[in-house]
Amino acid sequence: MIALNRVKLIGYLTENPEIRQTPAGIAVCDINLRVTAKIEREGSLQDSTSFHTVTVWRWNAETLEKYASAGSQVYIEGRLKTDSWQDEAGKNRYKTKIIADDLILLTPKNGAFPALPGTVPFASGLNSAEIIGNITKDIELRQTANGVSVGSFSVATNRKWKDKATNEDKEETEFHNIVAWGNIAEKGEEFLKKGKKIFISGRVHTRSWDTPDGEKRYTTEVIADEIVLPGHESPDVPFETSASVSKSTGSKSEFANEIPEIPAIQYESDIKPEDLPF
């Protein structure tokens, strides 16, 4: 493995899964997942709700169709993948989804969820992303209206696999938009430069905006909670003061607000062989 692109989610299906077959007879299904996780914001743990499009293949898709429905809770482990295509106007369009490698059904078979007290300080879901790759663009630092630092940069990860049909070695590159807040962003301005190898631990976040033509657009980012700069000689200091950049304590602006509505699954791109989880 030359890079890491890993996402872990625990969330609830927003609709009944609908399975379909590829021309080769492989089962596949796209689902929307609502995830409510706990994040640290303004010195306290707060609920953060996000929606994710997940593509599930083969026996995992068949399991979903047989046992899951809207409201079912599932664990997903997979990788981020961005589809690109041109719309009718010839403009480049992008949509980021998660390709599921593993799936666990968490809903009881009888469908009965035991109630939890409202005071339980734990989340009902999980939103975790881990990336190891190379920075492709220096971090760009700016300030929000209320004076909080926020930085954005991009990271590339590579994946290799063998094409079973041709027995050829394949390789693809994914580019990830990264957003860092507060202390991470401020410290990153000096260290997060193009070409550096980086490890990022955080969460997947999708935000939306309206174009001047009134069209809704979405972009998916990884919000960095922790950053490590690997590949360097170990400094002669305790590990807790090594190249790890501390977690942000800054508050969030409207830039990180959650999407108020569930984004519909609208794929204009075809299923690609490299999406297959094997």
Protein backbone atom coordinates (compact mmCIF):
# COMPACT_ATOMS: atom_id res chain seq x y z
CA MET A 1 0.00 0.00 0.00
CA ILE A 2 1.43 3.40 -0.97
CA ALA A 3 -1.33 5.57 0.49
CA LEU A 4 -4.32 5.43 2.81
CA ASN A 5 -7.88 6.44 1.94
CA ARG A 6 -10.21 5.09 4.63
CA VAL A 7 -13.65 6.15 5.84
CA LYS A 8 -15.70 4.64 8.67
CA LEU A 9 -19.36 5.53 9.16
CA ILE A 10 -22.16 4.45 11.48
CA GLY A 11 -25.45 5.88 10.37
CA TYR A 12 -29.08 5.36 9.38
CA LEU A 13 -30.46 4.67 5.92
CA THR A 14 -32.69 7.51 4.74
CA GLU A 15 -34.57 5.32 2.24
CA ASN A 16 -35.13 1.70 1.30
CA PRO A 17 -32.18 0.21 -0.59
CA GLU A 18 -32.80 -0.59 -4.25
CA ILE A 19 -30.44 -3.12 -5.75
CA ARG A 20 -29.58 -3.28 -9.45
CA GLN A 21 -27.35 -5.43 -11.64
CA THR A 22 -24.39 -4.38 -13.74
CA PRO A 23 -24.15 -5.78 -17.32
CA ALA A 24 -21.81 -8.41 -15.86
CA GLY A 25 -24.48 -9.48 -13.36
CA ILE A 26 -22.89 -7.93 -10.26
CA ALA A 27 -25.26 -6.60 -7.60
CA VAL A 28 -24.82 -2.94 -6.62
CA CYS A 29 -26.84 -0.40 -4.70
CA ASP A 30 -26.50 3.27 -3.78
CA ILE A 31 -27.71 4.40 -0.37
CA ASN A 32 -27.97 7.67 1.51
CA LEU A 33 -26.67 7.51 5.06
CA ARG A 34 -27.53 10.01 7.81
CA VAL A 35 -24.76 10.21 10.40
CA THR A 36 -25.00 12.07 13.70
CA ALA A 37 -21.59 12.18 15.35
CA LYS A 38 -20.14 14.15 18.26
CA ILE A 39 -17.59 16.87 17.51
CA GLU A 40 -15.83 19.37 19.73
CA ARG A 41 -17.06 22.87 19.03
CA GLU A 42 -16.65 26.00 21.17
CA GLY A 43 -15.29 23.95 24.06
CA SER A 44 -18.10 21.39 24.20
CA LEU A 45 -19.26 18.24 22.42
CA GLN A 46 -22.06 18.96 19.97
CA ASP A 47 -24.06 16.85 17.55
CA SER A 48 -22.97 17.08 13.92
CA THR A 49 -25.35 15.62 11.32
CA SER A 50 -24.11 14.83 7.82
CA PHE A 51 -25.41 12.88 4.81
CA HIS A 52 -23.29 10.55 2.70
CA THR A 53 -23.80 8.67 -0.56
CA VAL A 54 -22.44 5.13 -0.34
CA THR A 55 -22.09 2.56 -3.13
CA VAL A 56 -22.37 -1.03 -1.88
CA TRP A 57 -21.39 -4.04 -3.99
CA ARG A 58 -22.14 -7.74 -4.36
CA TRP A 59 -23.12 -9.71 -1.23
CA ASN A 60 -23.20 -6.56 0.89
CA ALA A 61 -25.74 -5.04 -1.51
CA GLU A 62 -27.79 -8.24 -1.43
CA THR A 63 -27.69 -8.21 2.39
CA LEU A 64 -28.97 -4.65 2.46
CA GLU A 65 -31.85 -5.45 0.14
CA LYS A 66 -32.85 -8.49 2.19
CA TYR A 67 -32.53 -7.17 5.74
CA ALA A 68 -32.38 -3.34 5.71
CA SER A 69 -34.88 -0.56 5.13
CA ALA A 70 -35.23 3.16 5.77
CA GLY A 71 -34.15 3.80 9.36
CA SER A 72 -31.85 0.77 9.60
CA GLN A 73 -28.49 1.45 11.23
CA VAL A 74 -25.32 0.19 9.51
CA TYR A 75 -21.57 0.32 9.87
CA ILE A 76 -19.69 1.12 6.66
CA GLU A 77 -15.96 0.97 6.05
CA GLY A 78 -14.64 2.03 2.67
CA ARG A 79 -12.92 4.76 0.68
CA LEU A 80 -13.67 8.15 -0.82
CA LYS A 81 -14.07 8.30 -4.58
CA THR A 82 -14.96 11.28 -6.79
CA ASP A 83 -16.83 10.82 -10.06
CA SER A 84 -16.42 13.47 -12.76
CA TRP A 85 -18.40 14.14 -15.94
CA GLN A 86 -19.56 16.93 -18.21
CA ASP A 87 -23.11 18.22 -18.02
CA GLU A 88 -25.24 19.23 -21.01
CA ALA A 89 -23.62 22.66 -21.04
CA GLY A 90 -20.15 21.10 -21.25
CA LYS A 91 -19.19 22.10 -17.69
CA ASN A 92 -17.16 19.72 -15.52
CA ARG A 93 -19.20 18.28 -12.67
CA TYR A 94 -18.03 16.28 -9.65
CA LYS A 95 -19.67 14.12 -7.00
CA THR A 96 -17.89 12.39 -4.13
CA LYS A 97 -19.21 9.11 -2.76
CA ILE A 98 -17.95 6.32 -0.54
CA ILE A 99 -17.20 2.87 -1.95
CA ALA A 100 -18.06 0.36 0.79
CA ASP A 101 -15.58 -2.46 1.36
CA ASP A 102 -17.22 -3.76 4.55
CA LEU A 103 -20.75 -3.50 5.92
CA ILE A 104 -22.27 -4.59 9.23
CA LEU A 105 -25.99 -4.38 9.97
CA LEU A 106 -26.52 -2.92 13.45
CA THR A 107 -30.32 -2.97 13.54
CA PRO A 108 -31.90 -5.84 15.53
CA LYS A 109 -33.57 -8.39 13.31
CA ASN A 110 -36.95 -7.62 14.87
CA GLY A 111 -36.45 -3.94 14.04
CA ALA A 112 -36.96 -2.83 17.64
CA PHE A 113 -34.49 -0.19 18.83
CA PRO A 114 -34.09 0.14 22.61
CA ALA A 115 -34.51 3.73 23.75
CA LEU A 116 -31.52 5.61 25.17
CA PRO A 117 -31.80 8.29 27.85
CA GLY A 118 -31.49 11.79 26.43
CA THR A 119 -28.54 12.48 28.74
CA VAL A 120 -26.19 9.83 27.30
CA PRO A 121 -22.99 11.72 26.30
CA PHE A 122 -22.32 9.51 23.30
CA ALA A 123 -23.09 9.80 19.62
CA SER A 124 -25.53 7.59 17.75
CA GLY A 125 -23.19 7.52 14.76
CA LEU A 126 -19.59 7.59 13.60
CA ASN A 127 -17.94 9.81 10.99
CA SER A 128 -14.24 9.05 10.69
CA ALA A 129 -11.80 9.59 7.82
CA GLU A 130 -8.08 8.80 7.60
CA ILE A 131 -5.87 9.92 4.74
CA ILE A 132 -2.17 9.31 4.04
CA GLY A 133 -1.00 10.99 0.87
CA ASN A 134 0.92 13.89 -0.62
CA ILE A 135 -0.09 17.53 -0.48
CA THR A 136 -0.82 18.81 -3.99
CA LYS A 137 -1.49 22.46 -3.10
CA ASP A 138 -0.12 24.69 -0.33
CA ILE A 139 -2.59 25.49 2.41
CA GLU A 140 -4.52 28.73 1.84
CA LEU A 141 -5.19 30.53 5.13
CA ARG A 142 -7.98 33.03 5.66
CA GLN A 143 -10.11 34.45 8.46
CA THR A 144 -13.85 34.11 9.01
CA ALA A 145 -15.99 37.13 9.82
CA ASN A 146 -15.62 36.39 13.55
CA GLY A 147 -11.84 36.08 13.37
CA VAL A 148 -11.39 32.30 13.29
CA SER A 149 -8.57 30.95 11.10
CA VAL A 150 -9.52 28.43 8.42
CA GLY A 151 -7.24 26.83 5.84
CA SER A 152 -7.85 24.64 2.81
CA PHE A 153 -5.51 22.46 0.76
CA SER A 154 -5.61 19.26 -1.29
CA VAL A 155 -4.08 15.81 -0.84
CA ALA A 156 -3.62 13.02 -3.40
CA THR A 157 -3.83 9.31 -2.60
CA ASN A 158 -2.97 6.44 -4.95
CA ARG A 159 -4.54 2.99 -5.15
CA LYS A 160 -3.27 -0.04 -7.04
CA TRP A 161 -5.17 -3.19 -7.99
CA LYS A 162 -5.08 -5.99 -10.57
CA ASP A 163 -7.74 -6.05 -13.28
CA LYS A 164 -9.18 -9.56 -13.17
CA ALA A 165 -10.39 -9.38 -16.76
CA THR A 166 -7.03 -8.41 -18.31
CA ASN A 167 -4.67 -9.41 -15.45
CA GLU A 168 -3.11 -5.95 -15.78
CA ASP A 169 -1.91 -3.82 -12.89
CA LYS A 170 -4.04 -0.70 -12.50
CA GLU A 171 -3.52 2.50 -10.57
CA GLU A 172 -5.73 5.50 -9.88
CA THR A 173 -5.29 8.77 -8.02
CA GLU A 174 -7.90 10.43 -5.83
CA PHE A 175 -7.73 14.09 -4.82
CA HIS A 176 -9.20 15.12 -1.46
CA ASN A 177 -10.18 18.61 -0.36
CA ILE A 178 -8.98 19.20 3.21
CA VAL A 179 -10.20 21.92 5.58
CA ALA A 180 -8.41 22.82 8.82
CA TRP A 181 -9.60 25.20 11.54
CA GLY A 182 -8.07 27.29 14.31
CA ASN A 183 -4.66 26.17 15.58
CA ILE A 184 -4.26 23.50 12.91
CA ALA A 185 -4.77 26.03 10.12
CA GLU A 186 -2.44 28.61 11.69
CA LYS A 187 0.39 26.12 12.30
CA GLY A 188 -0.20 24.55 8.92
CA GLU A 189 0.63 27.75 7.03
CA GLU A 190 4.33 27.14 7.77
CA PHE A 191 4.48 23.37 7.33
CA LEU A 192 1.75 22.23 4.93
CA LYS A 193 3.44 22.73 1.58
CA LYS A 194 3.03 21.04 -1.80
CA GLY A 195 4.83 17.69 -2.06
CA LYS A 196 4.92 16.85 1.65
CA LYS A 197 3.59 13.52 2.85
CA ILE A 198 0.80 13.89 5.39
CA PHE A 199 -1.51 11.89 7.64
CA ILE A 200 -4.93 13.37 8.36
CA SER A 201 -7.52 12.15 10.81
CA GLY A 202 -10.91 13.83 10.68
CA ARG A 203 -14.44 13.57 9.35
CA VAL A 204 -16.21 13.74 5.99
CA HIS A 205 -18.34 16.84 5.46
CA THR A 206 -20.48 17.93 2.51
CA ARG A 207 -21.61 21.52 2.11
CA SER A 208 -23.72 23.21 -0.52
CA TRP A 209 -24.14 26.57 -2.19
CA ASP A 210 -26.18 28.16 -4.95
CA THR A 211 -24.57 29.30 -8.20
CA PRO A 212 -25.45 32.70 -9.71
CA ASP A 213 -27.87 30.76 -11.94
CA GLY A 214 -29.65 29.38 -8.86
CA GLU A 215 -28.30 25.85 -9.29
CA LYS A 216 -27.49 23.84 -6.16
CA ARG A 217 -23.90 22.58 -6.00
CA TYR A 218 -22.17 20.33 -3.46
CA THR A 219 -18.59 19.76 -2.43
CA THR A 220 -17.21 17.10 -0.10
CA GLU A 221 -14.25 17.78 2.19
CA VAL A 222 -12.34 16.13 5.00
CA ILE A 223 -12.38 18.32 8.11
CA ALA A 224 -9.00 17.73 9.79
CA ASP A 225 -9.04 17.06 13.53
CA GLU A 226 -5.41 15.92 13.69
CA ILE A 227 -2.46 16.15 11.32
CA VAL A 228 0.85 14.27 11.42
CA LEU A 229 3.84 14.90 9.16
CA PRO A 230 5.38 11.43 8.65
CA GLY A 231 8.55 10.43 6.86
CA HIS A 232 10.97 12.49 8.98
CA GLU A 233 13.68 11.54 11.43
CA SER A 234 12.32 11.24 14.95
CA PRO A 235 13.09 14.42 16.94
CA ASP A 236 14.96 14.10 20.24
CA VAL A 237 11.91 15.15 22.24
CA PRO A 238 8.96 13.33 23.87
CA PHE A 239 6.43 11.97 21.40
CA GLU A 240 3.68 14.31 22.54
CA THR A 241 5.63 17.29 21.15
CA SER A 242 6.55 15.66 17.84
CA ALA A 243 5.41 16.63 14.36
CA SER A 244 1.78 16.14 15.26
CA VAL A 245 -0.16 19.39 14.90
CA SER A 246 -2.52 19.92 17.83
CA LYS A 247 -6.28 19.75 17.47
CA SER A 248 -8.20 22.91 16.76
CA THR A 249 -9.98 24.69 19.59
CA GLY A 250 -11.44 27.44 17.45
CA SER A 251 -15.15 27.87 16.88
CA LYS A 252 -16.75 27.20 13.53
CA SER A 253 -18.39 29.71 11.20
CA GLU A 254 -21.17 29.28 8.73
CA PHE A 255 -18.57 27.68 6.42
CA ALA A 256 -18.92 24.44 8.40
CA ASN A 257 -22.71 24.47 8.81
CA GLU A 258 -24.50 21.21 8.13
CA ILE A 259 -26.67 20.65 5.05
CA PRO A 260 -30.27 21.22 6.15
CA GLU A 261 -31.83 18.81 3.67
CA ILE A 262 -31.02 15.25 2.59
CA PRO A 263 -29.23 15.44 -0.77
CA ALA A 264 -30.83 13.15 -3.32
CA ILE A 265 -28.77 10.48 -5.03
CA GLN A 266 -28.35 11.69 -8.59
CA TYR A 267 -25.60 9.93 -10.50
CA GLU A 268 -25.01 10.91 -14.09
CA SER A 269 -21.88 8.78 -14.30
CA ASP A 270 -21.80 5.05 -14.99
CA ILE A 271 -20.48 2.40 -12.64
CA LYS A 272 -16.80 1.93 -13.33
CA PRO A 273 -14.82 -1.33 -13.02
CA GLU A 274 -12.32 0.36 -10.70
CA ASP A 275 -15.16 0.97 -8.22
CA LEU A 276 -15.37 -2.74 -7.56
CA PRO A 277 -14.06 -3.53 -4.04
CA PHE A 278 -11.65 -6.30 -5.04
